[in-house]
Amino acid sequence: MNYEIENKSDKGRNNFIIKEIKIMEQNKEEIEIIEIEVFAKERKPVPKQKHYRIRIDKELKVVEQATITGKEILALVGKTPQQYNLYQHFHKAQTEIVPPEKVVDLTAPGVERFTTMKIENTEG
């Protein structure tokens, strides 16, 4: 698939939605991609039934569903729950660990980004 990304702006002001053109078999389908990190920082409600761009560590990934498990988020950046912990960051510096089986709602208020941390083996 080829992607052509066009930033939507209004007099220099970002509208927080990226328009993405998906080219499939000579047909163009326009898809709105919601930047959840920007919506959280601006304290705006995240629209449902869209595509969502999330930040995992320093990588930006687009997902097509509003809910996703911790294991699926790790897989987006090539990591596994056996080797890495996943943390969800909320607006105002709140952080919580996301177990692999936990379902994360990307449209929930304050969801900002995710980070991973390698699990260290400690022998007692």
PDB file of N, CA and C in Angstrom:
ATOM      1  N   MET A   1       0.828  -1.186   0.000  1.00  0.00           N
ATOM      2  CA  MET A   1       0.000   0.000   0.000  1.00  0.00           C
ATOM      3  C   MET A   1       0.868   1.243   0.000  1.00  0.00           C
ATOM      4  N   ASN A   2       0.456   2.235  -0.729  1.00  0.00           N
ATOM      5  CA  ASN A   2       1.144   3.520  -0.734  1.00  0.00           C
ATOM      6  C   ASN A   2       0.331   4.511   0.073  1.00  0.00           C
ATOM      7  N   TYR A   3       1.024   5.357   0.811  1.00  0.00           N
ATOM      8  CA  TYR A   3       0.347   6.369   1.603  1.00  0.00           C
ATOM      9  C   TYR A   3       0.843   7.741   1.206  1.00  0.00           C
ATOM     10  N   GLU A   4      -0.060   8.654   1.152  1.00  0.00           N
ATOM     11  CA  GLU A   4       0.257  10.039   0.856  1.00  0.00           C
ATOM     12  C   GLU A   4      -0.353  10.829   2.000  1.00  0.00           C
ATOM     13  N   ILE A   5       0.466  11.516   2.773  1.00  0.00           N
ATOM     14  CA  ILE A   5      -0.036  12.206   3.963  1.00  0.00           C
ATOM     15  C   ILE A   5      -0.093  13.697   3.706  1.00  0.00           C
ATOM     16  N   GLU A   6      -1.201  14.271   4.081  1.00  0.00           N
ATOM     17  CA  GLU A   6      -1.418  15.701   3.904  1.00  0.00           C
ATOM     18  C   GLU A   6      -1.838  16.262   5.249  1.00  0.00           C
ATOM     19  N   ASN A   7      -1.085  17.224   5.777  1.00  0.00           N
ATOM     20  CA  ASN A   7      -1.459  17.850   7.037  1.00  0.00           C
ATOM     21  C   ASN A   7      -2.540  18.881   6.793  1.00  0.00           C
ATOM     22  N   LYS A   8      -3.586  18.803   7.577  1.00  0.00           N
ATOM     23  CA  LYS A   8      -4.699  19.736   7.462  1.00  0.00           C
ATOM     24  C   LYS A   8      -4.428  20.889   8.419  1.00  0.00           C
ATOM     25  N   SER A   9      -4.402  22.101   7.902  1.00  0.00           N
ATOM     26  CA  SER A   9      -4.164  23.243   8.782  1.00  0.00           C
ATOM     27  C   SER A   9      -5.060  24.398   8.392  1.00  0.00           C
ATOM     28  N   ASP A  10      -5.281  25.286   9.347  1.00  0.00           N
ATOM     29  CA  ASP A  10      -6.158  26.429   9.150  1.00  0.00           C
ATOM     30  C   ASP A  10      -5.413  27.672   9.618  1.00  0.00           C
ATOM     31  N   LYS A  11      -4.927  28.476   8.679  1.00  0.00           N
ATOM     32  CA  LYS A  11      -4.185  29.699   8.964  1.00  0.00           C
ATOM     33  C   LYS A  11      -3.033  29.434   9.931  1.00  0.00           C
ATOM     34  N   GLY A  12      -2.281  28.363   9.681  1.00  0.00           N
ATOM     35  CA  GLY A  12      -1.126  28.060  10.507  1.00  0.00           C
ATOM     36  C   GLY A  12      -1.464  27.326  11.794  1.00  0.00           C
ATOM     37  N   ARG A  13      -2.725  27.092  12.063  1.00  0.00           N
ATOM     38  CA  ARG A  13      -3.141  26.423  13.290  1.00  0.00           C
ATOM     39  C   ARG A  13      -3.447  24.963  12.975  1.00  0.00           C
ATOM     40  N   ASN A  14      -2.829  24.073  13.713  1.00  0.00           N
ATOM     41  CA  ASN A  14      -3.010  22.643  13.482  1.00  0.00           C
ATOM     42  C   ASN A  14      -4.392  22.213  13.960  1.00  0.00           C
ATOM     43  N   ASN A  15      -5.107  21.460  13.149  1.00  0.00           N
ATOM     44  CA  ASN A  15      -6.430  20.972  13.523  1.00  0.00           C
ATOM     45  C   ASN A  15      -6.375  19.605  14.172  1.00  0.00           C
ATOM     46  N   PHE A  16      -5.186  19.061  14.383  1.00  0.00           N
ATOM     47  CA  PHE A  16      -4.962  17.813  15.101  1.00  0.00           C
ATOM     48  C   PHE A  16      -5.465  16.586  14.372  1.00  0.00           C
ATOM     49  N   ILE A  17      -5.804  16.701  13.120  1.00  0.00           N
ATOM     50  CA  ILE A  17      -6.232  15.545  12.338  1.00  0.00           C
ATOM     51  C   ILE A  17      -5.385  15.521  11.079  1.00  0.00           C
ATOM     52  N   ILE A  18      -4.805  14.389  10.817  1.00  0.00           N
ATOM     53  CA  ILE A  18      -4.025  14.230   9.591  1.00  0.00           C
ATOM     54  C   ILE A  18      -4.910  13.534   8.582  1.00  0.00           C
ATOM     55  N   LYS A  19      -4.937  14.046   7.386  1.00  0.00           N
ATOM     56  CA  LYS A  19      -5.663  13.398   6.306  1.00  0.00           C
ATOM     57  C   LYS A  19      -4.689  12.462   5.614  1.00  0.00           C
ATOM     58  N   GLU A  20      -5.064  11.233   5.482  1.00  0.00           N
ATOM     59  CA  GLU A  20      -4.207  10.265   4.817  1.00  0.00           C
ATOM     60  C   GLU A  20      -4.955   9.694   3.631  1.00  0.00           C
ATOM     61  N   ILE A  21      -4.280   9.646   2.527  1.00  0.00           N
ATOM     62  CA  ILE A  21      -4.871   9.095   1.319  1.00  0.00           C
ATOM     63  C   ILE A  21      -4.321   7.686   1.141  1.00  0.00           C
ATOM     64  N   LYS A  22      -5.184   6.708   1.132  1.00  0.00           N
ATOM     65  CA  LYS A  22      -4.783   5.322   0.935  1.00  0.00           C
ATOM     66  C   LYS A  22      -5.090   4.969  -0.514  1.00  0.00           C
ATOM     67  N   ILE A  23      -4.063   4.584  -1.234  1.00  0.00           N
ATOM     68  CA  ILE A  23      -4.244   4.259  -2.643  1.00  0.00           C
ATOM     69  C   ILE A  23      -4.395   2.740  -2.768  1.00  0.00           C
ATOM     70  N   MET A  24      -5.557   2.319  -3.245  1.00  0.00           N
ATOM     71  CA  MET A  24      -5.841   0.899  -3.386  1.00  0.00           C
ATOM     72  C   MET A  24      -6.484   0.661  -4.741  1.00  0.00           C
ATOM     73  N   GLU A  25      -5.784  -0.077  -5.595  1.00  0.00           N
ATOM     74  CA  GLU A  25      -6.311  -0.468  -6.895  1.00  0.00           C
ATOM     75  C   GLU A  25      -6.936   0.700  -7.661  1.00  0.00           C
ATOM     76  N   GLN A  26      -6.196   1.748  -7.851  1.00  0.00           N
ATOM     77  CA  GLN A  26      -6.604   2.925  -8.619  1.00  0.00           C
ATOM     78  C   GLN A  26      -7.662   3.784  -7.920  1.00  0.00           C
ATOM     79  N   ASN A  27      -8.171   3.358  -6.776  1.00  0.00           N
ATOM     80  CA  ASN A  27      -9.168   4.148  -6.043  1.00  0.00           C
ATOM     81  C   ASN A  27      -8.485   4.817  -4.860  1.00  0.00           C
ATOM     82  N   LYS A  28      -8.874   6.048  -4.594  1.00  0.00           N
ATOM     83  CA  LYS A  28      -8.329   6.761  -3.444  1.00  0.00           C
ATOM     84  C   LYS A  28      -9.398   6.808  -2.364  1.00  0.00           C
ATOM     85  N   GLU A  29      -8.982   6.437  -1.173  1.00  0.00           N
ATOM     86  CA  GLU A  29      -9.872   6.467  -0.021  1.00  0.00           C
ATOM     87  C   GLU A  29      -9.247   7.401   1.010  1.00  0.00           C
ATOM     88  N   GLU A  30      -9.964   8.438   1.423  1.00  0.00           N
ATOM     89  CA  GLU A  30      -9.439   9.392   2.380  1.00  0.00           C
ATOM     90  C   GLU A  30      -9.761   8.909   3.789  1.00  0.00           C
ATOM     91  N   ILE A  31      -8.734   8.887   4.636  1.00  0.00           N
ATOM     92  CA  ILE A  31      -8.881   8.401   5.998  1.00  0.00           C
ATOM     93  C   ILE A  31      -8.402   9.478   6.961  1.00  0.00           C
ATOM     94  N   GLU A  32      -9.175   9.747   7.998  1.00  0.00           N
ATOM     95  CA  GLU A  32      -8.747  10.683   9.027  1.00  0.00           C
ATOM     96  C   GLU A  32      -7.958   9.918  10.081  1.00  0.00           C
ATOM     97  N   ILE A  33      -6.799  10.461  10.420  1.00  0.00           N
ATOM     98  CA  ILE A  33      -5.970   9.867  11.460  1.00  0.00           C
ATOM     99  C   ILE A  33      -5.904  10.858  12.623  1.00  0.00           C
ATOM    100  N   ILE A  34      -6.307  10.376  13.781  1.00  0.00           N
ATOM    101  CA  ILE A  34      -6.367  11.218  14.971  1.00  0.00           C
ATOM    102  C   ILE A  34      -5.060  11.086  15.756  1.00  0.00           C
ATOM    103  N   GLU A  35      -4.442  12.204  16.071  1.00  0.00           N
ATOM    104  CA  GLU A  35      -3.228  12.229  16.888  1.00  0.00           C
ATOM    105  C   GLU A  35      -3.650  12.250  18.354  1.00  0.00           C
ATOM    106  N   ILE A  36      -3.688  11.093  19.003  1.00  0.00           N
ATOM    107  CA  ILE A  36      -4.231  11.069  20.368  1.00  0.00           C
ATOM    108  C   ILE A  36      -3.382  11.866  21.345  1.00  0.00           C
ATOM    109  N   GLU A  37      -2.082  11.944  21.135  1.00  0.00           N
ATOM    110  CA  GLU A  37      -1.219  12.701  22.041  1.00  0.00           C
ATOM    111  C   GLU A  37      -1.594  14.185  22.041  1.00  0.00           C
ATOM    112  N   VAL A  38      -1.868  14.715  20.865  1.00  0.00           N
ATOM    113  CA  VAL A  38      -2.244  16.133  20.760  1.00  0.00           C
ATOM    114  C   VAL A  38      -3.613  16.372  21.393  1.00  0.00           C
ATOM    115  N   PHE A  39      -4.563  15.480  21.143  1.00  0.00           N
ATOM    116  CA  PHE A  39      -5.889  15.630  21.742  1.00  0.00           C
ATOM    117  C   PHE A  39      -5.795  15.610  23.263  1.00  0.00           C
ATOM    118  N   ALA A  40      -4.964  14.730  23.830  1.00  0.00           N
ATOM    119  CA  ALA A  40      -4.810  14.648  25.286  1.00  0.00           C
ATOM    120  C   ALA A  40      -4.222  15.933  25.850  1.00  0.00           C
ATOM    121  N   LYS A  41      -3.184  16.443  25.204  1.00  0.00           N
ATOM    122  CA  LYS A  41      -2.545  17.668  25.682  1.00  0.00           C
ATOM    123  C   LYS A  41      -3.482  18.864  25.601  1.00  0.00           C
ATOM    124  N   GLU A  42      -4.359  18.865  24.609  1.00  0.00           N
ATOM    125  CA  GLU A  42      -5.310  19.954  24.435  1.00  0.00           C
ATOM    126  C   GLU A  42      -6.619  19.724  25.212  1.00  0.00           C
ATOM    127  N   ARG A  43      -6.693  18.569  25.888  1.00  0.00           N
ATOM    128  CA  ARG A  43      -7.882  18.173  26.661  1.00  0.00           C
ATOM    129  C   ARG A  43      -9.143  18.144  25.797  1.00  0.00           C
ATOM    130  N   LYS A  44      -8.978  17.647  24.585  1.00  0.00           N
ATOM    131  CA  LYS A  44     -10.110  17.522  23.663  1.00  0.00           C
ATOM    132  C   LYS A  44     -10.563  16.069  23.636  1.00  0.00           C
ATOM    133  N   PRO A  45     -11.864  15.818  23.496  1.00  0.00           N
ATOM    134  CA  PRO A  45     -12.323  14.429  23.381  1.00  0.00           C
ATOM    135  C   PRO A  45     -11.859  13.823  22.059  1.00  0.00           C
ATOM    136  N   VAL A  46     -11.442  12.566  22.132  1.00  0.00           N
ATOM    137  CA  VAL A  46     -10.962  11.862  20.942  1.00  0.00           C
ATOM    138  C   VAL A  46     -12.156  11.259  20.218  1.00  0.00           C
ATOM    139  N   PRO A  47     -12.342  11.586  18.930  1.00  0.00           N
ATOM    140  CA  PRO A  47     -13.467  11.035  18.177  1.00  0.00           C
ATOM    141  C   PRO A  47     -13.351   9.518  18.017  1.00  0.00           C
ATOM    142  N   LYS A  48     -14.482   8.854  17.986  1.00  0.00           N
ATOM    143  CA  LYS A  48     -14.510   7.401  17.796  1.00  0.00           C
ATOM    144  C   LYS A  48     -14.643   7.066  16.317  1.00  0.00           C
ATOM    145  N   GLN A  49     -14.385   5.815  15.986  1.00  0.00           N
ATOM    146  CA  GLN A  49     -14.499   5.277  14.628  1.00  0.00           C
ATOM    147  C   GLN A  49     -13.573   5.978  13.638  1.00  0.00           C
ATOM    148  N   LYS A  50     -12.354   6.163  14.041  1.00  0.00           N
ATOM    149  CA  LYS A  50     -11.335   6.785  13.197  1.00  0.00           C
ATOM    150  C   LYS A  50     -10.092   5.902  13.224  1.00  0.00           C
ATOM    151  N   HIS A  51      -9.037   6.352  12.590  1.00  0.00           N
ATOM    152  CA  HIS A  51      -7.722   5.747  12.710  1.00  0.00           C
ATOM    153  C   HIS A  51      -6.971   6.594  13.730  1.00  0.00           C
ATOM    154  N   TYR A  52      -6.082   5.974  14.487  1.00  0.00           N
ATOM    155  CA  TYR A  52      -5.410   6.679  15.576  1.00  0.00           C
ATOM    156  C   TYR A  52      -3.902   6.553  15.438  1.00  0.00           C
ATOM    157  N   ARG A  53      -3.206   7.672  15.601  1.00  0.00           N
ATOM    158  CA  ARG A  53      -1.747   7.652  15.612  1.00  0.00           C
ATOM    159  C   ARG A  53      -1.328   7.714  17.078  1.00  0.00           C
ATOM    160  N   ILE A  54      -0.549   6.694  17.487  1.00  0.00           N
ATOM    161  CA  ILE A  54      -0.075   6.636  18.856  1.00  0.00           C
ATOM    162  C   ILE A  54       1.445   6.646  18.864  1.00  0.00           C
ATOM    163  N   ARG A  55       2.006   7.149  19.971  1.00  0.00           N
ATOM    164  CA  ARG A  55       3.463   7.159  20.113  1.00  0.00           C
ATOM    165  C   ARG A  55       3.844   6.080  21.101  1.00  0.00           C
ATOM    166  N   ILE A  56       4.760   5.212  20.670  1.00  0.00           N
ATOM    167  CA  ILE A  56       5.307   4.159  21.503  1.00  0.00           C
ATOM    168  C   ILE A  56       6.810   4.408  21.522  1.00  0.00           C
ATOM    169  N   ASP A  57       7.331   4.770  22.686  1.00  0.00           N
ATOM    170  CA  ASP A  57       8.711   5.239  22.789  1.00  0.00           C
ATOM    171  C   ASP A  57       8.851   6.412  21.825  1.00  0.00           C
ATOM    172  N   LYS A  58       9.718   6.328  20.832  1.00  0.00           N
ATOM    173  CA  LYS A  58       9.878   7.447  19.891  1.00  0.00           C
ATOM    174  C   LYS A  58       9.238   7.166  18.547  1.00  0.00           C
ATOM    175  N   GLU A  59       8.551   6.026  18.434  1.00  0.00           N
ATOM    176  CA  GLU A  59       7.938   5.641  17.162  1.00  0.00           C
ATOM    177  C   GLU A  59       6.464   6.028  17.113  1.00  0.00           C
ATOM    178  N   LEU A  60       6.022   6.495  15.957  1.00  0.00           N
ATOM    179  CA  LEU A  60       4.611   6.786  15.730  1.00  0.00           C
ATOM    180  C   LEU A  60       4.008   5.655  14.911  1.00  0.00           C
ATOM    181  N   LYS A  61       2.880   5.125  15.377  1.00  0.00           N
ATOM    182  CA  LYS A  61       2.200   4.023  14.706  1.00  0.00           C
ATOM    183  C   LYS A  61       0.734   4.380  14.527  1.00  0.00           C
ATOM    184  N   VAL A  62       0.141   3.899  13.428  1.00  0.00           N
ATOM    185  CA  VAL A  62      -1.279   4.127  13.162  1.00  0.00           C
ATOM    186  C   VAL A  62      -2.019   2.817  13.380  1.00  0.00           C
ATOM    187  N   VAL A  63      -3.097   2.885  14.162  1.00  0.00           N
ATOM    188  CA  VAL A  63      -3.947   1.712  14.386  1.00  0.00           C
ATOM    189  C   VAL A  63      -5.351   2.044  13.899  1.00  0.00           C
ATOM    190  N   GLU A  64      -6.083   1.010  13.498  1.00  0.00           N
ATOM    191  CA  GLU A  64      -7.395   1.210  12.897  1.00  0.00           C
ATOM    192  C   GLU A  64      -8.547   0.974  13.864  1.00  0.00           C
ATOM    193  N   GLN A  65      -8.239   0.683  15.127  1.00  0.00           N
ATOM    194  CA  GLN A  65      -9.311   0.428  16.082  1.00  0.00           C
ATOM    195  C   GLN A  65      -9.108   1.298  17.321  1.00  0.00           C
ATOM    196  N   ALA A  66     -10.200   1.551  18.038  1.00  0.00           N
ATOM    197  CA  ALA A  66     -10.143   2.406  19.223  1.00  0.00           C
ATOM    198  C   ALA A  66      -9.640   1.659  20.452  1.00  0.00           C
ATOM    199  N   THR A  67      -9.699   0.326  20.424  1.00  0.00           N
ATOM    200  CA  THR A  67      -9.201  -0.453  21.559  1.00  0.00           C
ATOM    201  C   THR A  67      -8.116  -1.407  21.070  1.00  0.00           C
ATOM    202  N   ILE A  68      -7.134  -1.634  21.939  1.00  0.00           N
ATOM    203  CA  ILE A  68      -5.984  -2.465  21.589  1.00  0.00           C
ATOM    204  C   ILE A  68      -5.392  -3.006  22.885  1.00  0.00           C
ATOM    205  N   THR A  69      -4.867  -4.222  22.847  1.00  0.00           N
ATOM    206  CA  THR A  69      -4.277  -4.806  24.052  1.00  0.00           C
ATOM    207  C   THR A  69      -2.826  -4.360  24.220  1.00  0.00           C
ATOM    208  N   GLY A  70      -2.335  -4.515  25.436  1.00  0.00           N
ATOM    209  CA  GLY A  70      -0.938  -4.208  25.706  1.00  0.00           C
ATOM    210  C   GLY A  70      -0.006  -5.027  24.832  1.00  0.00           C
ATOM    211  N   LYS A  71      -0.322  -6.292  24.652  1.00  0.00           N
ATOM    212  CA  LYS A  71       0.493  -7.177  23.809  1.00  0.00           C
ATOM    213  C   LYS A  71       0.524  -6.680  22.362  1.00  0.00           C
ATOM    214  N   GLU A  72      -0.625  -6.232  21.852  1.00  0.00           N
ATOM    215  CA  GLU A  72      -0.689  -5.721  20.479  1.00  0.00           C
ATOM    216  C   GLU A  72       0.116  -4.429  20.320  1.00  0.00           C
ATOM    217  N   ILE A  73       0.106  -3.588  21.353  1.00  0.00           N
ATOM    218  CA  ILE A  73       0.884  -2.343  21.298  1.00  0.00           C
ATOM    219  C   ILE A  73       2.375  -2.674  21.238  1.00  0.00           C
ATOM    220  N   LEU A  74       2.814  -3.605  22.092  1.00  0.00           N
ATOM    221  CA  LEU A  74       4.218  -4.020  22.063  1.00  0.00           C
ATOM    222  C   LEU A  74       4.601  -4.579  20.695  1.00  0.00           C
ATOM    223  N   ALA A  75       3.719  -5.380  20.109  1.00  0.00           N
ATOM    224  CA  ALA A  75       3.998  -5.986  18.803  1.00  0.00           C
ATOM    225  C   ALA A  75       4.186  -4.932  17.710  1.00  0.00           C
ATOM    226  N   LEU A  76       3.517  -3.798  17.838  1.00  0.00           N
ATOM    227  CA  LEU A  76       3.661  -2.731  16.841  1.00  0.00           C
ATOM    228  C   LEU A  76       5.104  -2.242  16.724  1.00  0.00           C
ATOM    229  N   VAL A  77       5.858  -2.360  17.821  1.00  0.00           N
ATOM    230  CA  VAL A  77       7.254  -1.912  17.805  1.00  0.00           C
ATOM    231  C   VAL A  77       8.220  -3.099  17.920  1.00  0.00           C
ATOM    232  N   GLY A  78       7.721  -4.294  17.591  1.00  0.00           N
ATOM    233  CA  GLY A  78       8.575  -5.474  17.532  1.00  0.00           C
ATOM    234  C   GLY A  78       9.046  -5.992  18.875  1.00  0.00           C
ATOM    235  N   LYS A  79       8.243  -5.810  19.919  1.00  0.00           N
ATOM    236  CA  LYS A  79       8.621  -6.250  21.261  1.00  0.00           C
ATOM    237  C   LYS A  79       7.585  -7.236  21.806  1.00  0.00           C
ATOM    238  N   THR A  80       7.982  -8.001  22.807  1.00  0.00           N
ATOM    239  CA  THR A  80       7.079  -8.994  23.401  1.00  0.00           C
ATOM    240  C   THR A  80       6.913  -8.738  24.896  1.00  0.00           C
ATOM    241  N   PRO A  81       5.783  -9.185  25.474  1.00  0.00           N
ATOM    242  CA  PRO A  81       5.570  -9.014  26.917  1.00  0.00           C
ATOM    243  C   PRO A  81       6.545  -9.837  27.768  1.00  0.00           C
ATOM    244  N   GLN A  82       7.171 -10.849  27.187  1.00  0.00           N
ATOM    245  CA  GLN A  82       8.146 -11.641  27.937  1.00  0.00           C
ATOM    246  C   GLN A  82       9.446 -10.863  28.163  1.00  0.00           C
ATOM    247  N   GLN A  83       9.712  -9.902  27.286  1.00  0.00           N
ATOM    248  CA  GLN A  83      10.963  -9.147  27.375  1.00  0.00           C
ATOM    249  C   GLN A  83      10.797  -7.679  27.789  1.00  0.00           C
ATOM    250  N   TYR A  84       9.564  -7.146  27.621  1.00  0.00           N
ATOM    251  CA  TYR A  84       9.346  -5.718  27.889  1.00  0.00           C
ATOM    252  C   TYR A  84       8.066  -5.474  28.678  1.00  0.00           C
ATOM    253  N   ASN A  85       8.122  -4.460  29.554  1.00  0.00           N
ATOM    254  CA  ASN A  85       6.918  -3.936  30.193  1.00  0.00           C
ATOM    255  C   ASN A  85       6.437  -2.762  29.359  1.00  0.00           C
ATOM    256  N   LEU A  86       5.122  -2.563  29.337  1.00  0.00           N
ATOM    257  CA  LEU A  86       4.523  -1.440  28.618  1.00  0.00           C
ATOM    258  C   LEU A  86       3.915  -0.483  29.635  1.00  0.00           C
ATOM    259  N   TYR A  87       4.155   0.796  29.449  1.00  0.00           N
ATOM    260  CA  TYR A  87       3.612   1.826  30.332  1.00  0.00           C
ATOM    261  C   TYR A  87       2.766   2.793  29.525  1.00  0.00           C
ATOM    262  N   GLN A  88       1.637   3.166  30.098  1.00  0.00           N
ATOM    263  CA  GLN A  88       0.744   4.132  29.472  1.00  0.00           C
ATOM    264  C   GLN A  88       0.896   5.448  30.212  1.00  0.00           C
ATOM    265  N   HIS A  89       1.105   6.510  29.457  1.00  0.00           N
ATOM    266  CA  HIS A  89       1.263   7.838  30.041  1.00  0.00           C
ATOM    267  C   HIS A  89       0.010   8.648  29.761  1.00  0.00           C
ATOM    268  N   PHE A  90      -0.439   9.335  30.798  1.00  0.00           N
ATOM    269  CA  PHE A  90      -1.632  10.169  30.711  1.00  0.00           C
ATOM    270  C   PHE A  90      -1.218  11.626  30.833  1.00  0.00           C
ATOM    271  N   HIS A  91      -2.112  12.496  30.449  1.00  0.00           N
ATOM    272  CA  HIS A  91      -1.870  13.930  30.605  1.00  0.00           C
ATOM    273  C   HIS A  91      -1.608  14.231  32.075  1.00  0.00           C
ATOM    274  N   LYS A  92      -0.736  15.140  32.351  1.00  0.00           N
ATOM    275  CA  LYS A  92      -0.335  15.546  33.701  1.00  0.00           C
ATOM    276  C   LYS A  92       0.601  14.526  34.347  1.00  0.00           C
ATOM    277  N   ALA A  93       1.402  13.826  33.534  1.00  0.00           N
ATOM    278  CA  ALA A  93       2.489  12.962  33.993  1.00  0.00           C
ATOM    279  C   ALA A  93       2.060  11.743  34.808  1.00  0.00           C
ATOM    280  N   GLN A  94       0.846  11.297  34.695  1.00  0.00           N
ATOM    281  CA  GLN A  94       0.435  10.056  35.351  1.00  0.00           C
ATOM    282  C   GLN A  94       0.851   8.887  34.470  1.00  0.00           C
ATOM    283  N   THR A  95       1.349   7.820  35.100  1.00  0.00           N
ATOM    284  CA  THR A  95       1.824   6.647  34.365  1.00  0.00           C
ATOM    285  C   THR A  95       1.305   5.391  35.037  1.00  0.00           C
ATOM    286  N   GLU A  96       0.937   4.399  34.221  1.00  0.00           N
ATOM    287  CA  GLU A  96       0.571   3.099  34.790  1.00  0.00           C
ATOM    288  C   GLU A  96       1.059   1.989  33.865  1.00  0.00           C
ATOM    289  N   ILE A  97       1.357   0.851  34.478  1.00  0.00           N
ATOM    290  CA  ILE A  97       1.804  -0.300  33.704  1.00  0.00           C
ATOM    291  C   ILE A  97       0.600  -0.915  33.002  1.00  0.00           C
ATOM    292  N   VAL A  98       0.808  -1.393  31.785  1.00  0.00           N
ATOM    293  CA  VAL A  98      -0.254  -2.023  31.006  1.00  0.00           C
ATOM    294  C   VAL A  98       0.072  -3.512  30.869  1.00  0.00           C
ATOM    295  N   PRO A  99      -0.675  -4.381  31.564  1.00  0.00           N
ATOM    296  CA  PRO A  99      -0.450  -5.824  31.390  1.00  0.00           C
ATOM    297  C   PRO A  99      -0.757  -6.243  29.951  1.00  0.00           C
ATOM    298  N   PRO A 100      -0.142  -7.324  29.471  1.00  0.00           N
ATOM    299  CA  PRO A 100      -0.322  -7.748  28.073  1.00  0.00           C
ATOM    300  C   PRO A 100      -1.777  -7.969  27.674  1.00  0.00           C
ATOM    301  N   GLU A 101      -2.596  -8.498  28.584  1.00  0.00           N
ATOM    302  CA  GLU A 101      -3.982  -8.812  28.253  1.00  0.00           C
ATOM    303  C   GLU A 101      -4.949  -7.636  28.451  1.00  0.00           C
ATOM    304  N   LYS A 102      -4.462  -6.553  29.038  1.00  0.00           N
ATOM    305  CA  LYS A 102      -5.339  -5.396  29.289  1.00  0.00           C
ATOM    306  C   LYS A 102      -5.719  -4.721  27.973  1.00  0.00           C
ATOM    307  N   VAL A 103      -6.999  -4.364  27.849  1.00  0.00           N
ATOM    308  CA  VAL A 103      -7.481  -3.641  26.674  1.00  0.00           C
ATOM    309  C   VAL A 103      -7.420  -2.144  26.977  1.00  0.00           C
ATOM    310  N   VAL A 104      -6.725  -1.417  26.127  1.00  0.00           N
ATOM    311  CA  VAL A 104      -6.581   0.031  26.269  1.00  0.00           C
ATOM    312  C   VAL A 104      -7.559   0.704  25.312  1.00  0.00           C
ATOM    313  N   ASP A 105      -8.334   1.661  25.832  1.00  0.00           N
ATOM    314  CA  ASP A 105      -9.251   2.446  25.007  1.00  0.00           C
ATOM    315  C   ASP A 105      -8.543   3.738  24.616  1.00  0.00           C
ATOM    316  N   LEU A 106      -8.169   3.856  23.359  1.00  0.00           N
ATOM    317  CA  LEU A 106      -7.437   5.032  22.893  1.00  0.00           C
ATOM    318  C   LEU A 106      -8.271   6.301  22.901  1.00  0.00           C
ATOM    319  N   THR A 107      -9.597   6.167  23.011  1.00  0.00           N
ATOM    320  CA  THR A 107     -10.471   7.344  23.037  1.00  0.00           C
ATOM    321  C   THR A 107     -10.766   7.808  24.461  1.00  0.00           C
ATOM    322  N   ALA A 108     -10.242   7.106  25.458  1.00  0.00           N
ATOM    323  CA  ALA A 108     -10.464   7.504  26.855  1.00  0.00           C
ATOM    324  C   ALA A 108      -9.770   8.836  27.122  1.00  0.00           C
ATOM    325  N   PRO A 109     -10.355   9.669  27.979  1.00  0.00           N
ATOM    326  CA  PRO A 109      -9.751  10.974  28.272  1.00  0.00           C
ATOM    327  C   PRO A 109      -8.343  10.851  28.849  1.00  0.00           C
ATOM    328  N   GLY A 110      -7.430  11.646  28.329  1.00  0.00           N
ATOM    329  CA  GLY A 110      -6.094  11.759  28.891  1.00  0.00           C
ATOM    330  C   GLY A 110      -5.059  10.783  28.383  1.00  0.00           C
ATOM    331  N   VAL A 111      -5.427   9.777  27.566  1.00  0.00           N
ATOM    332  CA  VAL A 111      -4.435   8.834  27.037  1.00  0.00           C
ATOM    333  C   VAL A 111      -3.475   9.616  26.150  1.00  0.00           C
ATOM    334  N   GLU A 112      -2.191   9.559  26.464  1.00  0.00           N
ATOM    335  CA  GLU A 112      -1.252  10.404  25.736  1.00  0.00           C
ATOM    336  C   GLU A 112      -0.253   9.618  24.893  1.00  0.00           C
ATOM    337  N   ARG A 113       0.472   8.683  25.522  1.00  0.00           N
ATOM    338  CA  ARG A 113       1.498   7.944  24.794  1.00  0.00           C
ATOM    339  C   ARG A 113       1.867   6.693  25.576  1.00  0.00           C
ATOM    340  N   PHE A 114       2.794   5.911  25.003  1.00  0.00           N
ATOM    341  CA  PHE A 114       3.230   4.664  25.626  1.00  0.00           C
ATOM    342  C   PHE A 114       4.753   4.584  25.594  1.00  0.00           C
ATOM    343  N   THR A 115       5.305   3.931  26.601  1.00  0.00           N
ATOM    344  CA  THR A 115       6.740   3.659  26.606  1.00  0.00           C
ATOM    345  C   THR A 115       6.950   2.197  26.990  1.00  0.00           C
ATOM    346  N   THR A 116       8.120   1.683  26.626  1.00  0.00           N
ATOM    347  CA  THR A 116       8.470   0.310  26.971  1.00  0.00           C
ATOM    348  C   THR A 116       9.742   0.325  27.800  1.00  0.00           C
ATOM    349  N   MET A 117       9.892  -0.719  28.614  1.00  0.00           N
ATOM    350  CA  MET A 117      11.119  -0.858  29.397  1.00  0.00           C
ATOM    351  C   MET A 117      11.475  -2.336  29.444  1.00  0.00           C
ATOM    352  N   LYS A 118      12.726  -2.625  29.114  1.00  0.00           N
ATOM    353  CA  LYS A 118      13.201  -4.009  29.112  1.00  0.00           C
ATOM    354  C   LYS A 118      13.114  -4.567  30.525  1.00  0.00           C
ATOM    355  N   ILE A 119      12.639  -5.799  30.631  1.00  0.00           N
ATOM    356  CA  ILE A 119      12.542  -6.470  31.916  1.00  0.00           C
ATOM    357  C   ILE A 119      13.932  -6.990  32.281  1.00  0.00           C
ATOM    358  N   GLU A 120      14.400  -6.577  33.426  1.00  0.00           N
ATOM    359  CA  GLU A 120      15.720  -7.001  33.888  1.00  0.00           C
ATOM    360  C   GLU A 120      15.571  -8.260  34.726  1.00  0.00           C
ATOM    361  N   ASN A 121      16.423  -9.229  34.465  1.00  0.00           N
ATOM    362  CA  ASN A 121      16.446 -10.443  35.287  1.00  0.00           C
ATOM    363  C   ASN A 121      17.269 -10.147  36.526  1.00  0.00           C
ATOM    364  N   THR A 122      16.638 -10.276  37.685  1.00  0.00           N
ATOM    365  CA  THR A 122      17.365 -10.068  38.936  1.00  0.00           C
ATOM    366  C   THR A 122      17.383 -11.370  39.700  1.00  0.00           C
ATOM    367  N   GLU A 123      18.560 -11.775  40.063  1.00  0.00           N
ATOM    368  CA  GLU A 123      18.700 -13.011  40.828  1.00  0.00           C
ATOM    369  C   GLU A 123      19.030 -12.639  42.256  1.00  0.00           C
ATOM    370  N   GLY A 124      18.309 -13.274  43.181  1.00  0.00           N
ATOM    371  CA  GLY A 124      18.432 -12.914  44.581  1.00  0.00           C
ATOM    372  C   GLY A 124      19.429 -13.699  45.252  1.00  0.00           C
TER     373      GLY A 124
END
